[in-house]
Amino acid sequence: MSDYMVRATGAGAQIRAFACTTKGVVEAARQAHNTSPVVTAALGRLLSAGVMMGGMQKGEEDLVTLQIKGDGPVGGLLVTADSKGGVKGYANVPDVILPANALGKLDVAGAVGQGSLSVIKDMGLKEPYVGQTLLQTSEIAEDLTYYFAASEQVPSSVGLGVLMERDNQVRQAGGFIVQLMPFAEEAVIRRLEQNLGKITSVTALLDQGNTPEQMLEQILEGLECELTDTTPVSFSCNCSKERIEKVLISLGKKEIQDMIDEGQEIQVNCHFCNTNYEFSVEELKAIYRKSRLP
């Protein structure tokens, strides 16, 4: 099954909801960055959240960036998503190995540690919107639930999960975000809370064969779940040699000349997808000629 996200409303638009399956996205990130199981789980949860929060944006060119900075061994996580189902991301330290937590699960909270969550929305305005909250549990889903309530004043429930195979490949990944509109009635809120109380975990639902649509039908049971659209999602990076060349040009003639003087080709790495781009001395000389900066 290919990765995709669904949107839905409930209770006559008193609720809006998103759900996604992202096994391919998370596996692509694992392969690109050679992440350990606990880092795959942490990054995978944030990638799934990014997919859905990207889908909340209205404009074609809108971007949302989720950044976690923690004092745990992983250091930090960064994910950027667009409004069309594209997402990319990386962990500062991809190879962290930790023992299981007290529940016998991958210790995402231990890997992340204490710190902050920032949400940056670039909507083509002069300045991007930036919201920031302190991490509450460092399990990521609960931290985003808190972020929505504290920073955007939107009561929300966020579920995220990544399940690994014994050979470290991704078995299941996905999530949901359910949000109450300001005019939600008490009876609707009570029913939604009851439904959410029956949900064991995202990965359990996915591993039982539930689709994102079926996840939302369970969460919105008795609340007139209306599926509105479906969007394919993928791990995709828009880096290219041409883009990297523009970055090098922006460094200015002195920096480029220093590279040329070294007399060796240089390698530039894209953090998001871990692709390496090589530039020969001759290519650097051509870039030098294009540079207008001193």
Protein backbone atom coordinates (compact mmCIF):
# COMPACT_ATOMS: atom_id res chain seq x y z
CA MET A 1 0.00 0.00 0.00
CA SER A 2 1.43 3.37 -1.01
CA ASP A 3 1.66 6.18 1.52
CA TYR A 4 -1.16 8.69 1.64
CA MET A 5 -3.07 11.08 3.89
CA VAL A 6 -6.83 11.53 4.25
CA ARG A 7 -8.76 14.52 5.56
CA ALA A 8 -12.17 14.32 7.18
CA THR A 9 -14.71 16.33 9.12
CA GLY A 10 -17.02 15.19 11.88
CA ALA A 11 -20.20 16.34 13.60
CA GLY A 12 -21.11 18.81 10.87
CA ALA A 13 -17.60 20.33 10.66
CA GLN A 14 -17.28 20.74 14.46
CA ILE A 15 -14.24 18.45 14.13
CA ARG A 16 -11.51 18.30 11.51
CA ALA A 17 -9.27 15.28 11.27
CA PHE A 18 -6.25 13.97 9.38
CA ALA A 19 -4.74 10.48 9.22
CA CYS A 20 -1.84 9.04 7.25
CA THR A 21 0.14 5.93 6.55
CA THR A 22 3.84 6.70 6.05
CA LYS A 23 5.71 3.37 6.03
CA GLY A 24 7.45 4.21 2.73
CA VAL A 25 8.31 7.75 3.83
CA VAL A 26 9.93 6.57 7.06
CA GLU A 27 11.74 3.67 5.38
CA ALA A 28 13.13 6.08 2.75
CA ALA A 29 14.39 8.35 5.55
CA ARG A 30 15.89 5.35 7.38
CA GLN A 31 17.77 4.27 4.26
CA ALA A 32 18.90 7.81 3.37
CA HIS A 33 20.31 8.53 6.82
CA ASN A 34 21.08 4.97 8.04
CA THR A 35 19.19 5.70 11.26
CA SER A 36 19.19 3.38 14.27
CA PRO A 37 15.80 1.93 15.34
CA VAL A 38 15.15 4.52 18.08
CA VAL A 39 16.09 7.41 15.77
CA THR A 40 13.94 5.92 12.98
CA ALA A 41 11.02 5.90 15.43
CA ALA A 42 11.62 9.50 16.55
CA LEU A 43 12.19 10.90 13.07
CA GLY A 44 9.34 8.79 11.66
CA ARG A 45 6.87 10.22 14.15
CA LEU A 46 7.91 13.77 13.27
CA LEU A 47 7.77 13.03 9.52
CA SER A 48 4.21 11.70 9.92
CA ALA A 49 3.22 14.82 11.85
CA GLY A 50 4.87 16.96 9.17
CA VAL A 51 2.83 15.30 6.42
CA MET A 52 -0.44 16.14 8.19
CA MET A 53 0.57 19.65 9.29
CA GLY A 54 1.78 20.37 5.76
CA GLY A 55 -1.68 19.30 4.59
CA MET A 56 -3.23 21.92 6.88
CA GLN A 57 -1.58 24.73 4.90
CA LYS A 58 -3.71 26.56 2.35
CA GLY A 59 -1.26 27.87 -0.26
CA GLU A 60 0.45 25.85 -2.99
CA GLU A 61 3.90 27.10 -1.93
CA ASP A 62 3.33 27.03 1.85
CA LEU A 63 5.86 25.12 3.94
CA VAL A 64 5.82 23.98 7.55
CA THR A 65 8.99 23.10 9.46
CA LEU A 66 9.00 21.14 12.73
CA GLN A 67 12.16 21.41 14.80
CA ILE A 68 12.90 19.57 18.01
CA LYS A 69 15.94 20.55 20.04
CA GLY A 70 16.74 18.33 23.01
CA ASP A 71 19.54 17.52 25.42
CA GLY A 72 19.32 13.79 24.64
CA PRO A 73 21.89 11.95 22.51
CA VAL A 74 20.01 12.52 19.22
CA GLY A 75 20.57 16.29 19.65
CA GLY A 76 17.67 17.38 17.48
CA LEU A 77 15.28 16.56 14.64
CA LEU A 78 14.20 18.73 11.71
CA VAL A 79 11.33 18.03 9.30
CA THR A 80 9.97 20.22 6.49
CA ALA A 81 6.72 19.48 4.66
CA ASP A 82 4.82 21.15 1.83
CA SER A 83 1.08 21.33 1.23
CA LYS A 84 1.17 18.72 -1.54
CA GLY A 85 2.32 15.65 0.39
CA GLY A 86 6.08 16.09 0.15
CA VAL A 87 8.14 15.75 3.34
CA LYS A 88 11.84 15.50 4.23
CA GLY A 89 13.85 15.48 7.42
CA TYR A 90 16.90 14.40 9.36
CA ALA A 91 18.27 13.76 12.85
CA ASN A 92 21.39 15.51 14.11
CA VAL A 93 22.83 12.20 15.37
CA PRO A 94 21.32 9.33 13.34
CA ASP A 95 23.02 6.32 14.96
CA VAL A 96 21.96 6.59 18.63
CA ILE A 97 21.54 3.22 20.35
CA LEU A 98 19.59 3.04 23.63
CA PRO A 99 18.12 0.18 25.68
CA ALA A 100 14.32 -0.22 25.61
CA ASN A 101 12.27 1.90 28.01
CA ALA A 102 10.34 0.57 31.01
CA LEU A 103 7.51 -0.57 28.72
CA GLY A 104 9.90 -2.52 26.51
CA LYS A 105 9.50 -0.01 23.67
CA LEU A 106 11.99 2.10 21.73
CA ASP A 107 13.05 4.90 24.08
CA VAL A 108 12.23 7.95 21.93
CA ALA A 109 11.92 10.21 24.98
CA GLY A 110 15.36 9.13 26.19
CA ALA A 111 16.88 9.79 22.77
CA VAL A 112 15.33 13.27 22.49
CA GLY A 113 15.70 14.42 26.11
CA GLN A 114 14.32 17.68 27.45
CA GLY A 115 14.09 20.71 25.19
CA SER A 116 11.77 22.60 22.86
CA LEU A 117 9.49 22.13 19.87
CA SER A 118 9.32 24.88 17.24
CA VAL A 119 6.79 25.09 14.41
CA ILE A 120 7.72 27.44 11.57
CA LYS A 121 5.10 28.19 8.92
CA ASP A 122 6.31 29.90 5.75
CA MET A 123 3.21 31.20 4.00
CA GLY A 124 4.94 33.59 1.60
CA LEU A 125 4.60 36.54 3.94
CA LYS A 126 7.45 38.85 4.90
CA GLU A 127 8.12 36.89 8.10
CA PRO A 128 7.25 33.25 8.79
CA TYR A 129 4.99 32.36 11.73
CA VAL A 130 7.00 30.77 14.55
CA GLY A 131 5.43 29.00 17.51
CA GLN A 132 7.49 27.38 20.25
CA THR A 133 6.70 25.28 23.31
CA LEU A 134 8.72 23.24 25.77
CA LEU A 135 8.71 19.48 25.26
CA GLN A 136 6.27 17.84 27.69
CA THR A 137 7.08 14.12 27.35
CA SER A 138 9.54 14.08 24.40
CA GLU A 139 7.42 11.30 22.86
CA ILE A 140 6.47 13.81 20.11
CA ALA A 141 2.72 13.12 19.77
CA GLU A 142 1.95 14.48 23.24
CA ASP A 143 4.32 17.39 22.62
CA LEU A 144 2.39 18.35 19.47
CA THR A 145 -0.93 17.98 21.31
CA TYR A 146 0.39 20.48 23.86
CA TYR A 147 1.75 22.77 21.12
CA PHE A 148 -1.64 23.02 19.38
CA ALA A 149 -3.39 23.88 22.67
CA ALA A 150 -0.76 26.30 23.99
CA SER A 151 0.48 28.02 20.84
CA GLU A 152 -2.49 27.86 18.43
CA GLN A 153 -5.32 27.55 20.99
CA VAL A 154 -6.76 24.56 19.14
CA PRO A 155 -7.78 21.59 21.34
CA SER A 156 -6.26 18.59 19.54
CA SER A 157 -5.39 14.94 19.89
CA VAL A 158 -2.27 13.69 18.10
CA GLY A 159 -1.35 10.03 17.64
CA LEU A 160 1.90 8.99 15.97
CA GLY A 161 3.66 5.66 15.67
CA VAL A 162 6.48 3.71 14.03
CA LEU A 163 6.80 -0.08 14.31
CA MET A 164 10.09 -1.74 13.37
CA GLU A 165 10.87 -5.20 12.03
CA ARG A 166 13.62 -7.30 13.63
CA ASP A 167 15.88 -6.52 10.64
CA ASN A 168 15.42 -2.77 11.41
CA GLN A 169 13.19 -2.10 8.41
CA VAL A 170 10.00 -0.13 9.00
CA ARG A 171 6.96 -2.37 9.45
CA GLN A 172 4.30 0.29 10.02
CA ALA A 173 4.23 4.08 10.37
CA GLY A 174 1.54 6.71 10.43
CA GLY A 175 -0.59 8.92 12.59
CA PHE A 176 -3.67 11.05 13.13
CA ILE A 177 -4.47 14.60 14.22
CA VAL A 178 -7.99 15.41 15.40
CA GLN A 179 -8.96 19.00 16.20
CA LEU A 180 -12.04 20.63 17.73
CA MET A 181 -13.43 23.77 16.20
CA PRO A 182 -14.30 26.68 18.57
CA PHE A 183 -18.04 26.01 18.19
CA ALA A 184 -17.83 22.29 19.10
CA GLU A 185 -20.73 21.24 21.38
CA GLU A 186 -20.19 19.51 24.73
CA ALA A 187 -21.90 16.31 23.57
CA VAL A 188 -19.58 16.13 20.56
CA ILE A 189 -16.50 16.67 22.75
CA ARG A 190 -17.63 13.91 25.16
CA ARG A 191 -18.23 11.41 22.36
CA LEU A 192 -14.86 12.20 20.75
CA GLU A 193 -13.09 11.70 24.09
CA GLN A 194 -14.84 8.34 24.53
CA ASN A 195 -13.78 7.23 21.04
CA LEU A 196 -10.17 8.33 21.56
CA GLY A 197 -10.11 6.41 24.85
CA LYS A 198 -10.68 3.18 22.91
CA ILE A 199 -7.70 3.72 20.58
CA THR A 200 -4.77 1.59 21.75
CA SER A 201 -2.03 2.89 19.44
CA VAL A 202 -1.54 4.02 15.86
CA THR A 203 0.84 1.15 15.08
CA ALA A 204 -1.59 -1.42 16.55
CA LEU A 205 -4.36 -0.09 14.29
CA LEU A 206 -2.13 -0.12 11.22
CA ASP A 207 -0.74 -3.57 12.03
CA GLN A 208 -4.29 -4.89 12.24
CA GLY A 209 -4.74 -3.78 8.63
CA ASN A 210 -6.65 -0.57 9.27
CA THR A 211 -6.33 2.13 6.60
CA PRO A 212 -6.17 5.85 7.46
CA GLU A 213 -9.86 6.03 6.47
CA GLN A 214 -10.73 3.24 8.92
CA MET A 215 -8.68 4.91 11.65
CA LEU A 216 -10.71 8.09 11.29
CA GLU A 217 -13.99 6.16 11.11
CA GLN A 218 -13.15 4.63 14.52
CA ILE A 219 -12.08 7.97 16.01
CA LEU A 220 -15.18 9.72 14.64
CA GLU A 221 -17.62 6.85 15.24
CA GLY A 222 -21.09 8.24 15.84
CA LEU A 223 -19.94 11.70 14.79
CA GLU A 224 -20.87 11.65 11.08
CA CYS A 225 -17.34 11.09 9.75
CA GLU A 226 -17.13 12.62 6.28
CA LEU A 227 -13.96 11.93 4.30
CA THR A 228 -13.13 14.98 2.18
CA ASP A 229 -9.97 14.14 0.21
CA THR A 230 -6.92 11.94 -0.18
CA THR A 231 -3.33 13.05 -0.90
CA PRO A 232 -0.40 10.78 -1.84
CA VAL A 233 2.65 11.47 0.35
CA SER A 234 6.34 10.81 -0.20
CA PHE A 235 9.82 11.48 1.18
CA SER A 236 11.04 14.03 -1.33
CA CYS A 237 13.86 16.55 -1.39
CA ASN A 238 14.11 19.42 -3.87
CA CYS A 239 17.89 19.66 -3.67
CA SER A 240 19.91 19.58 -6.90
CA LYS A 241 23.40 20.41 -8.11
CA GLU A 242 22.06 23.68 -9.53
CA ARG A 243 20.61 24.68 -6.14
CA ILE A 244 23.88 23.84 -4.37
CA GLU A 245 25.73 25.89 -7.00
CA LYS A 246 23.57 28.91 -6.14
CA VAL A 247 24.48 28.47 -2.48
CA LEU A 248 28.17 28.38 -3.38
CA ILE A 249 27.80 31.51 -5.52
CA SER A 250 26.22 33.30 -2.55
CA LEU A 251 29.34 32.64 -0.45
CA GLY A 252 31.28 35.26 -2.43
CA LYS A 253 34.50 35.30 -4.45
CA LYS A 254 36.90 35.05 -1.50
CA GLU A 255 35.35 31.83 -0.12
CA ILE A 256 35.21 30.28 -3.59
CA GLN A 257 38.81 31.31 -4.33
CA ASP A 258 39.93 29.65 -1.09
CA MET A 259 38.30 26.40 -2.29
CA ILE A 260 40.00 26.72 -5.69
CA ASP A 261 43.36 27.32 -4.01
CA GLU A 262 43.01 24.03 -2.15
CA GLY A 263 43.31 22.40 -5.58
CA GLN A 264 40.88 19.60 -4.80
CA GLU A 265 37.26 18.87 -5.66
CA ILE A 266 34.79 19.63 -2.89
CA GLN A 267 31.81 17.64 -1.69
CA VAL A 268 28.62 19.29 -0.43
CA ASN A 269 26.09 17.22 1.50
CA CYS A 270 22.32 17.83 1.65
CA HIS A 271 21.29 17.31 5.29
CA PHE A 272 17.70 16.43 4.35
CA CYS A 273 18.30 13.52 1.97
CA ASN A 274 22.03 12.85 2.57
CA THR A 275 22.89 13.24 -1.13
CA ASN A 276 26.48 14.32 -1.85
CA TYR A 277 27.27 16.76 -4.67
CA GLU A 278 30.82 16.99 -6.02
CA PHE A 279 32.35 20.06 -7.66
CA SER A 280 35.66 19.86 -9.50
CA VAL A 281 38.22 22.70 -9.43
CA GLU A 282 37.13 23.63 -12.97
CA GLU A 283 33.50 23.81 -11.85
CA LEU A 284 34.53 25.98 -8.90
CA LYS A 285 36.33 28.33 -11.29
CA ALA A 286 33.14 28.61 -13.35
CA ILE A 287 31.17 29.36 -10.16
CA TYR A 288 33.77 32.00 -9.22
CA ARG A 289 33.18 33.75 -12.55
CA LYS A 290 29.40 33.82 -11.86
CA SER A 291 29.84 35.25 -8.37
CA ARG A 292 29.20 38.98 -8.05
CA LEU A 293 29.92 39.28 -4.37
CA PRO A 294 33.40 40.45 -3.32
